[in-house]
Protein backbone atom coordinates (compact mmCIF):
# COMPACT_ATOMS: atom_id res chain seq x y z
CA UNK A 1 -3.40 -19.85 2.21
CA UNK A 2 -1.33 -17.81 4.59
CA UNK A 3 -2.73 -15.12 6.81
CA UNK A 4 -2.12 -11.67 5.39
CA UNK A 5 -1.59 -8.76 7.74
CA UNK A 6 -3.77 -5.80 6.91
CA UNK A 7 -4.38 -2.26 8.03
CA UNK A 8 -7.67 -0.44 7.62
CA UNK A 9 -7.83 3.01 6.09
CA UNK A 10 -8.81 4.31 9.53
CA UNK A 11 -5.64 2.82 11.03
CA UNK A 12 -3.56 4.35 8.23
CA UNK A 13 -5.14 7.78 8.81
CA UNK A 14 -4.21 7.61 12.52
CA UNK A 15 -0.65 6.63 11.61
CA UNK A 16 -0.44 9.59 9.22
CA UNK A 17 -1.93 12.00 11.75
CA UNK A 18 0.55 10.84 14.40
CA UNK A 19 3.49 11.06 11.97
CA UNK A 20 4.30 7.42 12.68
CA UNK A 21 7.47 6.00 11.16
CA UNK A 22 6.20 3.84 8.31
CA UNK A 23 6.46 3.54 4.55
CA UNK A 24 3.46 3.73 2.21
CA UNK A 25 3.88 2.11 -1.19
CA UNK A 26 1.41 2.51 -4.05
CA UNK A 27 1.63 -0.38 -6.55
CA UNK A 28 -0.81 1.06 -9.09
CA UNK A 29 0.17 2.34 -12.51
CA UNK A 30 1.31 5.96 -13.09
CA UNK A 31 -1.94 6.91 -14.87
CA UNK A 32 -3.90 5.69 -11.81
CA UNK A 33 -1.66 7.65 -9.45
CA UNK A 34 -2.35 10.76 -11.56
CA UNK A 35 -6.10 10.36 -10.98
CA UNK A 36 -5.78 10.25 -7.20
CA UNK A 37 -3.18 9.34 -4.61
CA UNK A 38 -2.40 9.50 -0.90
CA UNK A 39 1.31 10.32 -1.29
CA UNK A 40 2.62 6.77 -1.30
CA UNK A 41 5.87 5.90 -3.04
CA UNK A 42 4.80 4.81 -6.54
CA UNK A 43 6.30 1.46 -7.52
CA UNK A 44 3.97 -0.17 -10.08
CA UNK A 45 3.35 -3.85 -9.39
CA UNK A 46 5.35 -5.01 -12.40
CA UNK A 47 8.37 -2.96 -11.29
CA UNK A 48 8.54 -4.34 -7.72
CA UNK A 49 11.29 -6.93 -8.49
CA UNK A 50 13.56 -4.14 -9.81
CA UNK A 51 12.92 -1.89 -6.81
CA UNK A 52 13.32 -4.20 -3.82
CA UNK A 53 15.98 -1.91 -2.31
CA UNK A 54 13.39 0.89 -2.02
CA UNK A 55 11.14 -1.18 0.26
CA UNK A 56 12.04 -0.86 3.94
CA UNK A 57 12.65 -3.93 6.10
CA UNK A 58 13.17 -2.03 9.35
CA UNK A 59 9.74 -0.42 9.79
CA UNK A 60 6.08 -0.99 9.00
CA UNK A 61 5.37 -0.95 5.27
CA UNK A 62 1.80 -0.49 4.07
CA UNK A 63 1.18 -1.44 0.45
CA UNK A 64 -1.90 -0.26 -1.40
CA UNK A 65 -3.52 -0.35 -4.82
CA UNK A 66 -7.01 0.51 -6.03
CA UNK A 67 -8.99 -2.15 -4.15
CA UNK A 68 -6.47 -4.26 -2.24
CA UNK A 69 -6.07 -7.16 -4.69
CA UNK A 70 -2.80 -6.19 -6.39
CA UNK A 71 -1.25 -4.98 -3.16
CA UNK A 72 -2.16 -8.28 -1.52
CA UNK A 73 -0.33 -10.16 -4.27
CA UNK A 74 2.69 -7.89 -3.84
CA UNK A 75 2.74 -8.53 -0.07
CA UNK A 76 2.64 -12.29 -0.70
CA UNK A 77 5.37 -12.05 -3.34
CA UNK A 78 7.71 -10.03 -1.13
CA UNK A 79 7.16 -12.27 1.88
CA UNK A 80 7.70 -15.49 -0.08
CA UNK A 81 10.65 -14.35 -2.20
CA UNK A 82 12.45 -11.77 -0.08
CA UNK A 83 11.60 -12.69 3.52
CA UNK A 84 9.72 -9.53 4.43
CA UNK A 85 7.77 -9.76 7.69
CA UNK A 86 6.81 -6.09 8.13
CA UNK A 87 4.24 -5.73 5.33
CA UNK A 88 0.60 -4.78 5.62
CA UNK A 89 -1.98 -4.72 2.84
CA UNK A 90 -4.31 -1.71 2.92
CA UNK A 91 -7.83 -3.15 3.18
CA UNK A 92 -9.99 -1.89 0.33
CA UNK A 93 -7.18 0.16 -1.20
CA UNK A 94 -7.58 3.74 -2.28
CA UNK A 95 -11.28 3.15 -2.97
CA UNK A 96 -11.84 2.55 0.75
CA UNK A 97 -9.79 5.66 1.53
CA UNK A 98 -11.98 7.70 -0.84
CA UNK A 99 -15.14 6.26 0.74
CA UNK A 100 -14.19 6.60 4.39
CA UNK A 101 -11.41 9.18 4.81
CA UNK A 102 -11.24 11.66 1.93
CA UNK A 103 -14.43 11.79 -0.08
CA UNK A 104 -12.95 14.50 -2.31
CA UNK A 105 -10.68 11.95 -3.99
CA UNK A 106 -11.72 11.03 -7.49
CA UNK A 107 -12.72 7.38 -7.76
CA UNK A 108 -12.22 5.34 -10.91
């Protein structure tokens, strides 16, 4: 098992507040995004292979899902198959964001 780089929701919030140059990708399904989101680029997990060109290689990319499981698999997939080295999984996903950063978000 390889070591996966991760960012906490607190680290992501700081990056957002500082207008850092990074890309946020949401790999959930459209109906999940409709429930709640944090303005990530929506590329559902199953559509990642067809959207590789949308994922930056020249800056930090944070990938998130609901809890961190799907996004972790996407990070692994992209690193193993496309040579990405700039990916971070969002620890705890949008559920952690709703718990720790924005409690107004609807959880599901």
